[in-house]
C-alpha atoms as a PDB file:
ATOM      1  CA  UNK A   1     -21.491   9.267  12.619  1.00  0.00           C
ATOM      2  CA  UNK A   2     -20.289   5.692  13.171  1.00  0.00           C
ATOM      3  CA  UNK A   3     -17.920   4.109  10.646  1.00  0.00           C
ATOM      4  CA  UNK A   4     -19.091   1.396   8.280  1.00  0.00           C
ATOM      5  CA  UNK A   5     -17.424  -1.868   9.300  1.00  0.00           C
ATOM      6  CA  UNK A   6     -16.920  -4.420   6.520  1.00  0.00           C
ATOM      7  CA  UNK A   7     -16.778  -7.969   7.887  1.00  0.00           C
ATOM      8  CA  UNK A   8     -16.622 -10.101   4.748  1.00  0.00           C
ATOM      9  CA  UNK A   9     -13.111 -11.454   5.400  1.00  0.00           C
ATOM     10  CA  UNK A  10     -12.058 -14.055   7.950  1.00  0.00           C
ATOM     11  CA  UNK A  11      -8.300 -13.359   7.960  1.00  0.00           C
ATOM     12  CA  UNK A  12      -6.092 -10.231   8.112  1.00  0.00           C
ATOM     13  CA  UNK A  13      -6.496  -7.527   5.467  1.00  0.00           C
ATOM     14  CA  UNK A  14      -3.364  -6.879   3.379  1.00  0.00           C
ATOM     15  CA  UNK A  15      -4.329  -4.260   0.780  1.00  0.00           C
ATOM     16  CA  UNK A  16      -7.054  -1.745  -0.127  1.00  0.00           C
ATOM     17  CA  UNK A  17      -7.655   0.134  -3.381  1.00  0.00           C
ATOM     18  CA  UNK A  18     -10.415   2.490  -4.545  1.00  0.00           C
ATOM     19  CA  UNK A  19     -11.747   2.615  -8.085  1.00  0.00           C
ATOM     20  CA  UNK A  20     -10.980   5.878  -9.881  1.00  0.00           C
ATOM     21  CA  UNK A  21     -14.313   7.484  -8.945  1.00  0.00           C
ATOM     22  CA  UNK A  22     -14.060   6.149  -5.362  1.00  0.00           C
ATOM     23  CA  UNK A  23     -17.546   4.644  -5.602  1.00  0.00           C
ATOM     24  CA  UNK A  24     -16.163   1.152  -5.093  1.00  0.00           C
ATOM     25  CA  UNK A  25     -13.431  -0.377  -2.959  1.00  0.00           C
ATOM     26  CA  UNK A  26     -11.318  -3.529  -3.267  1.00  0.00           C
ATOM     27  CA  UNK A  27      -9.998  -5.374  -0.204  1.00  0.00           C
ATOM     28  CA  UNK A  28      -7.448  -8.188  -0.353  1.00  0.00           C
ATOM     29  CA  UNK A  29      -6.924 -10.669   2.478  1.00  0.00           C
ATOM     30  CA  UNK A  30      -4.917 -13.633   3.651  1.00  0.00           C
ATOM     31  CA  UNK A  31      -8.205 -15.558   3.395  1.00  0.00           C
ATOM     32  CA  UNK A  32      -7.453 -15.819  -0.382  1.00  0.00           C
ATOM     33  CA  UNK A  33     -10.213 -13.464  -1.436  1.00  0.00           C
ATOM     34  CA  UNK A  34     -10.442 -10.001  -2.971  1.00  0.00           C
ATOM     35  CA  UNK A  35     -13.832  -8.389  -2.345  1.00  0.00           C
ATOM     36  CA  UNK A  36     -15.430  -5.496  -4.220  1.00  0.00           C
ATOM     37  CA  UNK A  37     -17.575  -3.218  -2.021  1.00  0.00           C
ATOM     38  CA  UNK A  38     -19.855  -0.218  -2.534  1.00  0.00           C
ATOM     39  CA  UNK A  39     -18.113   2.599  -0.651  1.00  0.00           C
ATOM     40  CA  UNK A  40     -21.176   4.541   0.473  1.00  0.00           C
ATOM     41  CA  UNK A  41     -23.193   1.590   1.770  1.00  0.00           C
ATOM     42  CA  UNK A  42     -20.605  -1.104   2.510  1.00  0.00           C
ATOM     43  CA  UNK A  43     -22.557  -3.560   0.352  1.00  0.00           C
ATOM     44  CA  UNK A  44     -20.579  -6.547  -0.863  1.00  0.00           C
ATOM     45  CA  UNK A  45     -20.755  -6.702  -4.662  1.00  0.00           C
ATOM     46  CA  UNK A  46     -18.344  -9.373  -5.886  1.00  0.00           C
ATOM     47  CA  UNK A  47     -15.576 -11.750  -4.788  1.00  0.00           C
ATOM     48  CA  UNK A  48     -12.442 -12.619  -6.781  1.00  0.00           C
ATOM     49  CA  UNK A  49     -10.942 -15.868  -5.461  1.00  0.00           C
ATOM     50  CA  UNK A  50      -7.277 -16.835  -5.267  1.00  0.00           C
ATOM     51  CA  UNK A  51      -5.823 -20.189  -4.261  1.00  0.00           C
ATOM     52  CA  UNK A  52      -3.400 -18.575  -1.784  1.00  0.00           C
ATOM     53  CA  UNK A  53      -3.171 -15.581   0.550  1.00  0.00           C
ATOM     54  CA  UNK A  54      -3.613 -12.281  -1.300  1.00  0.00           C
ATOM     55  CA  UNK A  55      -0.897  -9.697  -0.591  1.00  0.00           C
ATOM     56  CA  UNK A  56      -1.376  -6.910  -3.096  1.00  0.00           C
ATOM     57  CA  UNK A  57      -3.883  -5.209  -5.428  1.00  0.00           C
ATOM     58  CA  UNK A  58      -3.644  -2.853  -8.406  1.00  0.00           C
ATOM     59  CA  UNK A  59      -6.440  -1.214 -10.416  1.00  0.00           C
ATOM     60  CA  UNK A  60      -6.149   0.511 -13.793  1.00  0.00           C
ATOM     61  CA  UNK A  61      -7.169   4.156 -13.994  1.00  0.00           C
ATOM     62  CA  UNK A  62     -10.336   3.305 -15.947  1.00  0.00           C
ATOM     63  CA  UNK A  63     -11.268   0.782 -13.207  1.00  0.00           C
ATOM     64  CA  UNK A  64     -11.755  -1.956 -15.803  1.00  0.00           C
ATOM     65  CA  UNK A  65      -8.852  -4.238 -14.855  1.00  0.00           C
ATOM     66  CA  UNK A  66      -7.852  -5.585 -11.448  1.00  0.00           C
ATOM     67  CA  UNK A  67      -4.375  -7.031 -10.936  1.00  0.00           C
ATOM     68  CA  UNK A  68      -3.742  -9.113  -7.798  1.00  0.00           C
ATOM     69  CA  UNK A  69      -0.812 -11.048  -6.355  1.00  0.00           C
ATOM     70  CA  UNK A  70      -0.558 -13.830  -3.810  1.00  0.00           C
ATOM     71  CA  UNK A  71       1.711 -15.800  -1.524  1.00  0.00           C
ATOM     72  CA  UNK A  72       2.719 -18.341  -4.201  1.00  0.00           C
ATOM     73  CA  UNK A  73       4.155 -15.745  -6.583  1.00  0.00           C
ATOM     74  CA  UNK A  74       1.047 -15.931  -8.767  1.00  0.00           C
ATOM     75  CA  UNK A  75      -0.495 -12.835 -10.322  1.00  0.00           C
ATOM     76  CA  UNK A  76      -4.032 -12.574 -11.679  1.00  0.00           C
ATOM     77  CA  UNK A  77      -5.691 -10.120 -14.062  1.00  0.00           C
ATOM     78  CA  UNK A  78      -9.454  -9.777 -13.707  1.00  0.00           C
ATOM     79  CA  UNK A  79     -12.284  -8.115 -15.587  1.00  0.00           C
ATOM     80  CA  UNK A  80     -13.663  -5.900 -12.813  1.00  0.00           C
ATOM     81  CA  UNK A  81     -17.260  -5.664 -14.006  1.00  0.00           C
ATOM     82  CA  UNK A  82     -17.778  -9.275 -14.996  1.00  0.00           C
ATOM     83  CA  UNK A  83     -15.549 -10.790 -12.336  1.00  0.00           C
ATOM     84  CA  UNK A  84     -13.908 -13.004 -14.970  1.00  0.00           C
ATOM     85  CA  UNK A  85     -10.303 -14.161 -14.673  1.00  0.00           C
ATOM     86  CA  UNK A  86      -8.551 -12.977 -17.847  1.00  0.00           C
ATOM     87  CA  UNK A  87      -4.976 -14.063 -17.129  1.00  0.00           C
ATOM     88  CA  UNK A  88      -3.211 -16.124 -14.484  1.00  0.00           C
ATOM     89  CA  UNK A  89       0.575 -15.978 -14.381  1.00  0.00           C
ATOM     90  CA  UNK A  90       2.188 -18.637 -12.219  1.00  0.00           C
ATOM     91  CA  UNK A  91       5.695 -18.550 -10.815  1.00  0.00           C
ATOM     92  CA  UNK A  92       7.786 -20.655  -8.472  1.00  0.00           C
ATOM     93  CA  UNK A  93       5.390 -21.565  -5.640  1.00  0.00           C
ATOM     94  CA  UNK A  94       8.167 -20.873  -3.116  1.00  0.00           C
ATOM     95  CA  UNK A  95       8.145 -17.196  -4.079  1.00  0.00           C
ATOM     96  CA  UNK A  96       5.983 -14.572  -2.449  1.00  0.00           C
ATOM     97  CA  UNK A  97       4.515 -11.780  -4.612  1.00  0.00           C
ATOM     98  CA  UNK A  98       4.840  -9.043  -2.016  1.00  0.00           C
ATOM     99  CA  UNK A  99       3.618  -5.961  -3.868  1.00  0.00           C
ATOM    100  CA  UNK A 100       2.743  -4.545  -7.258  1.00  0.00           C
ATOM    101  CA  UNK A 101       1.930  -1.223  -8.886  1.00  0.00           C
ATOM    102  CA  UNK A 102       0.541  -0.155 -12.248  1.00  0.00           C
ATOM    103  CA  UNK A 103       2.022   2.754 -14.197  1.00  0.00           C
ATOM    104  CA  UNK A 104       0.046   5.977 -14.458  1.00  0.00           C
ATOM    105  CA  UNK A 105      -0.580   5.353 -18.178  1.00  0.00           C
ATOM    106  CA  UNK A 106      -1.792   1.776 -17.429  1.00  0.00           C
ATOM    107  CA  UNK A 107       0.753   0.307 -19.854  1.00  0.00           C
ATOM    108  CA  UNK A 108       3.110  -1.415 -17.403  1.00  0.00           C
ATOM    109  CA  UNK A 109       2.999  -3.324 -14.164  1.00  0.00           C
ATOM    110  CA  UNK A 110       5.763  -3.756 -11.568  1.00  0.00           C
ATOM    111  CA  UNK A 111       5.896  -7.004  -9.567  1.00  0.00           C
ATOM    112  CA  UNK A 112       8.086  -7.429  -6.473  1.00  0.00           C
ATOM    113  CA  UNK A 113       8.724 -11.034  -5.469  1.00  0.00           C
ATOM    114  CA  UNK A 114      10.950 -12.636  -2.879  1.00  0.00           C
ATOM    115  CA  UNK A 115      11.838 -16.007  -1.426  1.00  0.00           C
ATOM    116  CA  UNK A 116      10.492 -17.084   1.938  1.00  0.00           C
ATOM    117  CA  UNK A 117      13.859 -17.499   3.638  1.00  0.00           C
ATOM    118  CA  UNK A 118      15.518 -14.639   5.466  1.00  0.00           C
ATOM    119  CA  UNK A 119      18.606 -14.802   3.259  1.00  0.00           C
ATOM    120  CA  UNK A 120      16.780 -15.188  -0.059  1.00  0.00           C
ATOM    121  CA  UNK A 121      16.845 -12.393  -2.621  1.00  0.00           C
ATOM    122  CA  UNK A 122      13.951 -10.401  -4.047  1.00  0.00           C
ATOM    123  CA  UNK A 123      13.334  -9.173  -7.569  1.00  0.00           C
ATOM    124  CA  UNK A 124      11.689  -6.219  -9.254  1.00  0.00           C
ATOM    125  CA  UNK A 125      10.204  -7.023 -12.673  1.00  0.00           C
ATOM    126  CA  UNK A 126       8.358  -4.738 -15.067  1.00  0.00           C
ATOM    127  CA  UNK A 127       5.985  -6.173 -17.679  1.00  0.00           C
ATOM    128  CA  UNK A 128       4.074  -4.676 -20.586  1.00  0.00           C
ATOM    129  CA  UNK A 129       0.359  -5.256 -19.956  1.00  0.00           C
ATOM    130  CA  UNK A 130      -0.369  -5.312 -23.697  1.00  0.00           C
ATOM    131  CA  UNK A 131       2.217  -8.078 -24.188  1.00  0.00           C
ATOM    132  CA  UNK A 132       0.496 -10.089 -21.476  1.00  0.00           C
ATOM    133  CA  UNK A 133      -2.852  -9.778 -23.241  1.00  0.00           C
ATOM    134  CA  UNK A 134      -1.322 -10.801 -26.573  1.00  0.00           C
ATOM    135  CA  UNK A 135      -0.713 -14.249 -25.104  1.00  0.00           C
ATOM    136  CA  UNK A 136      -3.464 -16.847 -25.222  1.00  0.00           C
ATOM    137  CA  UNK A 137      -6.038 -16.915 -22.440  1.00  0.00           C
ATOM    138  CA  UNK A 138      -5.735 -19.149 -19.415  1.00  0.00           C
ATOM    139  CA  UNK A 139      -2.915 -20.018 -17.053  1.00  0.00           C
ATOM    140  CA  UNK A 140       0.676 -19.438 -18.147  1.00  0.00           C
ATOM    141  CA  UNK A 141       4.077 -19.429 -16.489  1.00  0.00           C
ATOM    142  CA  UNK A 142       5.466 -15.984 -15.767  1.00  0.00           C
ATOM    143  CA  UNK A 143       8.516 -17.088 -17.778  1.00  0.00           C
ATOM    144  CA  UNK A 144       6.321 -16.921 -20.899  1.00  0.00           C
ATOM    145  CA  UNK A 145       6.377 -13.131 -20.611  1.00  0.00           C
ATOM    146  CA  UNK A 146       9.491 -11.080 -21.311  1.00  0.00           C
ATOM    147  CA  UNK A 147      10.084  -8.466 -18.596  1.00  0.00           C
ATOM    148  CA  UNK A 148      10.979  -4.964 -19.712  1.00  0.00           C
ATOM    149  CA  UNK A 149      13.570  -5.047 -16.987  1.00  0.00           C
ATOM    150  CA  UNK A 150      14.614  -7.279 -14.109  1.00  0.00           C
ATOM    151  CA  UNK A 151      16.343  -6.059 -10.960  1.00  0.00           C
ATOM    152  CA  UNK A 152      17.723  -8.503  -8.392  1.00  0.00           C
ATOM    153  CA  UNK A 153      18.436  -7.496  -4.818  1.00  0.00           C
ATOM    154  CA  UNK A 154      21.475  -8.376  -2.773  1.00  0.00           C
ATOM    155  CA  UNK A 155      20.979 -11.149  -0.227  1.00  0.00           C
ATOM    156  CA  UNK A 156      21.399  -8.597   2.540  1.00  0.00           C
ATOM    157  CA  UNK A 157      18.289  -6.691   1.433  1.00  0.00           C
ATOM    158  CA  UNK A 158      14.789  -7.161   0.065  1.00  0.00           C
ATOM    159  CA  UNK A 159      12.618  -4.812  -1.949  1.00  0.00           C
ATOM    160  CA  UNK A 160       9.256  -4.106  -0.313  1.00  0.00           C
ATOM    161  CA  UNK A 161       7.162  -1.603  -2.261  1.00  0.00           C
ATOM    162  CA  UNK A 162       7.320   0.280  -5.623  1.00  0.00           C
ATOM    163  CA  UNK A 163       5.913   3.622  -6.848  1.00  0.00           C
ATOM    164  CA  UNK A 164       6.123   5.115 -10.347  1.00  0.00           C
ATOM    165  CA  UNK A 165       7.000   8.788 -10.678  1.00  0.00           C
ATOM    166  CA  UNK A 166       4.562  11.112 -12.442  1.00  0.00           C
ATOM    167  CA  UNK A 167       6.179  10.635 -15.874  1.00  0.00           C
ATOM    168  CA  UNK A 168       6.448   6.828 -15.456  1.00  0.00           C
ATOM    169  CA  UNK A 169      10.153   7.022 -16.367  1.00  0.00           C
ATOM    170  CA  UNK A 170      11.498   6.444 -12.855  1.00  0.00           C
ATOM    171  CA  UNK A 171      10.654   4.192  -9.959  1.00  0.00           C
ATOM    172  CA  UNK A 172      10.923   4.593  -6.186  1.00  0.00           C
ATOM    173  CA  UNK A 173      11.611   1.384  -4.255  1.00  0.00           C
ATOM    174  CA  UNK A 174      11.563   0.833  -0.492  1.00  0.00           C
ATOM    175  CA  UNK A 175      13.743  -1.841   1.117  1.00  0.00           C
ATOM    176  CA  UNK A 176      13.762  -3.887   4.286  1.00  0.00           C
ATOM    177  CA  UNK A 177      17.080  -2.326   5.391  1.00  0.00           C
ATOM    178  CA  UNK A 178      15.535   1.139   5.674  1.00  0.00           C
ATOM    179  CA  UNK A 179      16.719   2.452   2.295  1.00  0.00           C
ATOM    180  CA  UNK A 180      14.753   4.110  -0.485  1.00  0.00           C
ATOM    181  CA  UNK A 181      16.066   3.908  -4.055  1.00  0.00           C
ATOM    182  CA  UNK A 182      15.160   6.007  -7.079  1.00  0.00           C
ATOM    183  CA  UNK A 183      16.023   4.288 -10.365  1.00  0.00           C
ATOM    184  CA  UNK A 184      15.742   5.075 -14.055  1.00  0.00           C
ATOM    185  CA  UNK A 185      13.465   2.605 -15.831  1.00  0.00           C
ATOM    186  CA  UNK A 186      15.586   1.450 -18.745  1.00  0.00           C
ATOM    187  CA  UNK A 187      17.844  -1.436 -19.670  1.00  0.00           C
ATOM    188  CA  UNK A 188      20.643  -0.099 -17.458  1.00  0.00           C
ATOM    189  CA  UNK A 189      18.384   0.362 -14.393  1.00  0.00           C
ATOM    190  CA  UNK A 190      20.558   3.251 -13.234  1.00  0.00           C
ATOM    191  CA  UNK A 191      20.275   4.162  -9.557  1.00  0.00           C
ATOM    192  CA  UNK A 192      19.784   7.940  -9.313  1.00  0.00           C
ATOM    193  CA  UNK A 193      19.482   8.215  -5.552  1.00  0.00           C
ATOM    194  CA  UNK A 194      19.838   5.797  -2.665  1.00  0.00           C
ATOM    195  CA  UNK A 195      19.670   6.694   1.020  1.00  0.00           C
ATOM    196  CA  UNK A 196      18.995   5.056   4.352  1.00  0.00           C
ATOM    197  CA  UNK A 197      16.110   6.753   6.168  1.00  0.00           C
ATOM    198  CA  UNK A 198      15.047   4.118   8.710  1.00  0.00           C
ATOM    199  CA  UNK A 199      16.577   1.552  11.046  1.00  0.00           C
ATOM    200  CA  UNK A 200      14.118  -1.169  10.073  1.00  0.00           C
ATOM    201  CA  UNK A 201      11.830  -2.260   7.231  1.00  0.00           C
ATOM    202  CA  UNK A 202      10.023   0.494   5.304  1.00  0.00           C
ATOM    203  CA  UNK A 203       6.602  -1.138   5.134  1.00  0.00           C
ATOM    204  CA  UNK A 204       4.879   1.510   3.043  1.00  0.00           C
ATOM    205  CA  UNK A 205       5.411   4.905   1.454  1.00  0.00           C
ATOM    206  CA  UNK A 206       3.326   7.447  -0.429  1.00  0.00           C
ATOM    207  CA  UNK A 207       4.467   9.814  -3.176  1.00  0.00           C
ATOM    208  CA  UNK A 208       2.913  13.187  -4.007  1.00  0.00           C
ATOM    209  CA  UNK A 209       1.553  13.704  -7.518  1.00  0.00           C
ATOM    210  CA  UNK A 210       4.301  16.219  -8.277  1.00  0.00           C
ATOM    211  CA  UNK A 211       6.996  13.842  -6.998  1.00  0.00           C
ATOM    212  CA  UNK A 212       8.190  16.440  -4.486  1.00  0.00           C
ATOM    213  CA  UNK A 213       7.220  14.651  -1.243  1.00  0.00           C
ATOM    214  CA  UNK A 214       7.623  11.162   0.139  1.00  0.00           C
ATOM    215  CA  UNK A 215       5.867   9.888   3.277  1.00  0.00           C
ATOM    216  CA  UNK A 216       7.239   6.708   4.837  1.00  0.00           C
ATOM    217  CA  UNK A 217       6.068   4.097   7.355  1.00  0.00           C
ATOM    218  CA  UNK A 218       8.587   1.865   9.121  1.00  0.00           C
ATOM    219  CA  UNK A 219       8.825  -0.902  11.683  1.00  0.00           C
ATOM    220  CA  UNK A 220      11.287   1.302  13.582  1.00  0.00           C
ATOM    221  CA  UNK A 221       8.221   3.202  14.837  1.00  0.00           C
ATOM    222  CA  UNK A 222       8.718   6.368  12.816  1.00  0.00           C
ATOM    223  CA  UNK A 223       7.248   8.063   9.762  1.00  0.00           C
ATOM    224  CA  UNK A 224       9.259  10.593   7.741  1.00  0.00           C
ATOM    225  CA  UNK A 225       8.217  13.354   5.368  1.00  0.00           C
ATOM    226  CA  UNK A 226      11.017  13.562   2.792  1.00  0.00           C
ATOM    227  CA  UNK A 227      11.844  16.316   0.297  1.00  0.00           C
ATOM    228  CA  UNK A 228      12.663  14.359  -2.865  1.00  0.00           C
ATOM    229  CA  UNK A 229      14.710  17.182  -4.399  1.00  0.00           C
ATOM    230  CA  UNK A 230      17.470  17.031  -1.800  1.00  0.00           C
ATOM    231  CA  UNK A 231      16.517  13.666  -0.236  1.00  0.00           C
ATOM    232  CA  UNK A 232      16.342  15.238   3.214  1.00  0.00           C
ATOM    233  CA  UNK A 233      13.845  14.586   6.032  1.00  0.00           C
ATOM    234  CA  UNK A 234      11.488  17.534   6.611  1.00  0.00           C
ATOM    235  CA  UNK A 235       9.481  16.064   9.507  1.00  0.00           C
ATOM    236  CA  UNK A 236       9.534  12.918  11.620  1.00  0.00           C
ATOM    237  CA  UNK A 237       6.543  11.490  13.475  1.00  0.00           C
ATOM    238  CA  UNK A 238       6.995   8.908  16.225  1.00  0.00           C
ATOM    239  CA  UNK A 239       3.781   7.974  18.057  1.00  0.00           C
ATOM    240  CA  UNK A 240       4.220   7.253  21.773  1.00  0.00           C
ATOM    241  CA  UNK A 241       2.249   5.589  24.567  1.00  0.00           C
ATOM    242  CA  UNK A 242       2.689   3.044  23.233  1.00  0.00           C
ATOM    243  CA  UNK A 243       5.534   3.067  20.748  1.00  0.00           C
ATOM    244  CA  UNK A 244       4.489   0.911  17.803  1.00  0.00           C
ATOM    245  CA  UNK A 245       5.304  -0.370  14.348  1.00  0.00           C
ATOM    246  CA  UNK A 246       4.182   1.984  11.582  1.00  0.00           C
ATOM    247  CA  UNK A 247       2.785  -0.260   8.817  1.00  0.00           C
ATOM    248  CA  UNK A 248       0.872   2.132   6.571  1.00  0.00           C
ATOM    249  CA  UNK A 249       0.744   5.788   5.572  1.00  0.00           C
ATOM    250  CA  UNK A 250      -1.222   7.990   3.205  1.00  0.00           C
ATOM    251  CA  UNK A 251      -1.021  11.652   2.186  1.00  0.00           C
ATOM    252  CA  UNK A 252      -4.290  13.586   2.139  1.00  0.00           C
ATOM    253  CA  UNK A 253      -5.301  13.901  -1.553  1.00  0.00           C
ATOM    254  CA  UNK A 254      -5.255  17.724  -1.476  1.00  0.00           C
ATOM    255  CA  UNK A 255      -1.682  17.609  -0.130  1.00  0.00           C
ATOM    256  CA  UNK A 256      -0.745  15.097  -2.819  1.00  0.00           C
ATOM    257  CA  UNK A 257      -1.406  17.740  -5.450  1.00  0.00           C
ATOM    258  CA  UNK A 258       0.063  20.926  -4.023  1.00  0.00           C
ATOM    259  CA  UNK A 259       2.156  22.043  -1.064  1.00  0.00           C
ATOM    260  CA  UNK A 260       0.201  25.300  -1.022  1.00  0.00           C
ATOM    261  CA  UNK A 261      -2.725  23.369   0.437  1.00  0.00           C
ATOM    262  CA  UNK A 262      -0.826  22.716   3.663  1.00  0.00           C
ATOM    263  CA  UNK A 263      -2.126  25.848   5.368  1.00  0.00           C
ATOM    264  CA  UNK A 264      -5.710  25.063   4.348  1.00  0.00           C
ATOM    265  CA  UNK A 265      -5.832  21.616   5.963  1.00  0.00           C
ATOM    266  CA  UNK A 266      -6.059  20.659   9.624  1.00  0.00           C
ATOM    267  CA  UNK A 267      -4.112  17.479   8.922  1.00  0.00           C
ATOM    268  CA  UNK A 268      -1.941  16.412   5.989  1.00  0.00           C
ATOM    269  CA  UNK A 269      -1.477  12.677   6.349  1.00  0.00           C
ATOM    270  CA  UNK A 270      -2.513   9.595   8.288  1.00  0.00           C
ATOM    271  CA  UNK A 271      -0.180   6.937   9.662  1.00  0.00           C
ATOM    272  CA  UNK A 272      -1.054   3.705  11.419  1.00  0.00           C
ATOM    273  CA  UNK A 273       0.157   0.314  12.568  1.00  0.00           C
ATOM    274  CA  UNK A 274       0.354  -1.041  16.087  1.00  0.00           C
ATOM    275  CA  UNK A 275       2.271  -3.267  18.419  1.00  0.00           C
ATOM    276  CA  UNK A 276       2.697  -6.873  17.383  1.00  0.00           C
ATOM    277  CA  UNK A 277      -0.348  -8.789  18.620  1.00  0.00           C
ATOM    278  CA  UNK A 278       1.938 -11.151  20.534  1.00  0.00           C
ATOM    279  CA  UNK A 279       3.026  -8.228  22.701  1.00  0.00           C
ATOM    280  CA  UNK A 280      -0.494  -7.065  23.562  1.00  0.00           C
ATOM    281  CA  UNK A 281      -2.366  -8.899  26.312  1.00  0.00           C
ATOM    282  CA  UNK A 282      -6.116  -9.388  26.158  1.00  0.00           C
ATOM    283  CA  UNK A 283      -6.670  -7.033  29.075  1.00  0.00           C
ATOM    284  CA  UNK A 284      -4.422  -4.412  27.514  1.00  0.00           C
ATOM    285  CA  UNK A 285      -5.655  -4.603  23.914  1.00  0.00           C
ATOM    286  CA  UNK A 286      -6.742  -0.958  23.948  1.00  0.00           C
ATOM    287  CA  UNK A 287      -3.117   0.036  24.456  1.00  0.00           C
ATOM    288  CA  UNK A 288      -1.885  -1.699  21.306  1.00  0.00           C
ATOM    289  CA  UNK A 289      -1.544   1.505  19.297  1.00  0.00           C
ATOM    290  CA  UNK A 290      -4.010   0.358  16.626  1.00  0.00           C
ATOM    291  CA  UNK A 291      -5.492   3.837  16.127  1.00  0.00           C
ATOM    292  CA  UNK A 292      -5.266   5.974  12.991  1.00  0.00           C
ATOM    293  CA  UNK A 293      -2.980   8.930  13.717  1.00  0.00           C
ATOM    294  CA  UNK A 294      -3.491  12.218  11.831  1.00  0.00           C
ATOM    295  CA  UNK A 295      -0.442  14.465  11.491  1.00  0.00           C
ATOM    296  CA  UNK A 296       0.193  18.085  10.539  1.00  0.00           C
ATOM    297  CA  UNK A 297       3.326  18.984   8.557  1.00  0.00           C
ATOM    298  CA  UNK A 298       3.333  22.624   9.683  1.00  0.00           C
ATOM    299  CA  UNK A 299       3.282  21.912  13.413  1.00  0.00           C
ATOM    300  CA  UNK A 300       5.126  18.567  13.192  1.00  0.00           C
ATOM    301  CA  UNK A 301       2.657  16.914  15.556  1.00  0.00           C
ATOM    302  CA  UNK A 302      -0.368  14.688  15.759  1.00  0.00           C
ATOM    303  CA  UNK A 303      -3.674  16.573  15.629  1.00  0.00           C
ATOM    304  CA  UNK A 304      -5.968  13.665  16.494  1.00  0.00           C
ATOM    305  CA  UNK A 305      -6.603   9.961  16.213  1.00  0.00           C
ATOM    306  CA  UNK A 306      -9.410   7.507  15.557  1.00  0.00           C
ATOM    307  CA  UNK A 307      -9.656   4.233  17.434  1.00  0.00           C
ATOM    308  CA  UNK A 308     -11.607   1.144  16.455  1.00  0.00           C
ATOM    309  CA  UNK A 309      -9.425  -1.691  15.219  1.00  0.00           C
ATOM    310  CA  UNK A 310      -8.461  -4.547  17.541  1.00  0.00           C
ATOM    311  CA  UNK A 311      -5.244  -5.456  15.758  1.00  0.00           C
ATOM    312  CA  UNK A 312      -2.398  -3.789  13.858  1.00  0.00           C
ATOM    313  CA  UNK A 313      -3.503  -1.753  10.847  1.00  0.00           C
ATOM    314  CA  UNK A 314      -1.840  -3.020   7.653  1.00  0.00           C
ATOM    315  CA  UNK A 315      -3.200  -0.771   4.925  1.00  0.00           C
ATOM    316  CA  UNK A 316      -4.901   2.598   4.318  1.00  0.00           C
ATOM    317  CA  UNK A 317      -6.586   4.319   1.380  1.00  0.00           C
ATOM    318  CA  UNK A 318      -8.203   7.712   0.774  1.00  0.00           C
ATOM    319  CA  UNK A 319     -11.009   8.386  -1.682  1.00  0.00           C
ATOM    320  CA  UNK A 320     -10.074  10.761  -4.493  1.00  0.00           C
ATOM    321  CA  UNK A 321     -11.595  13.778  -2.712  1.00  0.00           C
ATOM    322  CA  UNK A 322     -10.175  12.845   0.701  1.00  0.00           C
ATOM    323  CA  UNK A 323     -13.647  12.616   2.209  1.00  0.00           C
ATOM    324  CA  UNK A 324     -13.498   8.863   2.837  1.00  0.00           C
ATOM    325  CA  UNK A 325     -10.682   7.005   4.593  1.00  0.00           C
ATOM    326  CA  UNK A 326     -10.561   3.219   4.766  1.00  0.00           C
ATOM    327  CA  UNK A 327      -8.319   1.047   6.925  1.00  0.00           C
ATOM    328  CA  UNK A 328      -7.681  -2.710   6.942  1.00  0.00           C
ATOM    329  CA  UNK A 329      -6.195  -4.611   9.863  1.00  0.00           C
ATOM    330  CA  UNK A 330      -5.110  -7.892  11.370  1.00  0.00           C
ATOM    331  CA  UNK A 331      -8.554  -8.110  13.008  1.00  0.00           C
ATOM    332  CA  UNK A 332      -9.941  -9.059   9.536  1.00  0.00           C
ATOM    333  CA  UNK A 333     -12.112  -5.954   9.247  1.00  0.00           C
ATOM    334  CA  UNK A 334     -12.186  -2.949   6.939  1.00  0.00           C
ATOM    335  CA  UNK A 335     -13.425   0.312   8.453  1.00  0.00           C
ATOM    336  CA  UNK A 336     -14.845   3.104   6.283  1.00  0.00           C
ATOM    337  CA  UNK A 337     -14.603   6.533   7.925  1.00  0.00           C
ATOM    338  CA  UNK A 338     -16.356   9.668   6.649  1.00  0.00           C
ATOM    339  CA  UNK A 339     -13.721  12.282   7.473  1.00  0.00           C
ATOM    340  CA  UNK A 340     -16.181  15.194   7.333  1.00  0.00           C
ATOM    341  CA  UNK A 341     -17.457  13.918  10.700  1.00  0.00           C
ATOM    342  CA  UNK A 342     -14.141  14.632  12.452  1.00  0.00           C
ATOM    343  CA  UNK A 343     -12.941  18.033  13.609  1.00  0.00           C
ATOM    344  CA  UNK A 344     -10.023  16.786  15.709  1.00  0.00           C
ATOM    345  CA  UNK A 345     -10.290  19.320  18.491  1.00  0.00           C
ATOM    346  CA  UNK A 346      -8.983  16.735  20.944  1.00  0.00           C
ATOM    347  CA  UNK A 347      -6.288  14.092  20.783  1.00  0.00           C
ATOM    348  CA  UNK A 348      -8.424  10.961  20.761  1.00  0.00           C
ATOM    349  CA  UNK A 349     -11.746  10.581  18.976  1.00  0.00           C
END
């Protein structure tokens, strides 16, 4: 069965998020729009418009609120069903809101922002969503809201992506120098663990529901499976022919929940990325490494791949049951794959 190709954007896709029941999908793009789609049909339902390139999306567990961030450091909170803008929080326009995440209990939101210069710092700020809604409606400066904590990076490093642990009391942070930090979320912001896993930027990482596994994606061309108890690498995947940047990674939902499911699954995770478009000639575009690579933790190898995108893949998302996989790329398209159609009895599908 052919994938559903969503072509509502005109610029690269930066983030994808499912609603809690996986019936709907959000896509955020540099074209300044977030689009809500019907997963099964690919029908476009609604558009939420920014005034700058959208980098990141978060959805509450009840799928009622959408939080988005853009290239001017501005964050928006939307009513999903009505499409109404509930809050707009502006910051210094020279800042870039790189990523965000919402706590599992929907009470807090983490915003990661950084300056545009190479030597500028980045910050990690946590806000109480209820406090935000206690303020009057409309557009406000982010300084009007008191962060629960503020963490500033050194100039030699930038924070890239955050993930709450299961209990919402700790936070994993990836950095552009290849490190992953685990910090306590309190006024002291105590660093529990800190280790360098990659030789370049960690673009993305996924955390299992029991907090026992981390999967990473890095511009050094590798993806690691990490045991969070001892902070050691269990497996490393490095796609070849061609070597490529790894921009995105996702654990299969059944693996997210329990290691015992490893033996019951043909693959356990998907990683993707691709060579920089500037390094891929028109005649050699098929060799850009833009495929979705499916990996097995037991055999430590790739078990198959799906081609289709014509540019580096920036973001991935699984439906709750793992049946649907979506990917968004520099080619401005979102591809919806029904994974029950793939057996992976050969390397390239």
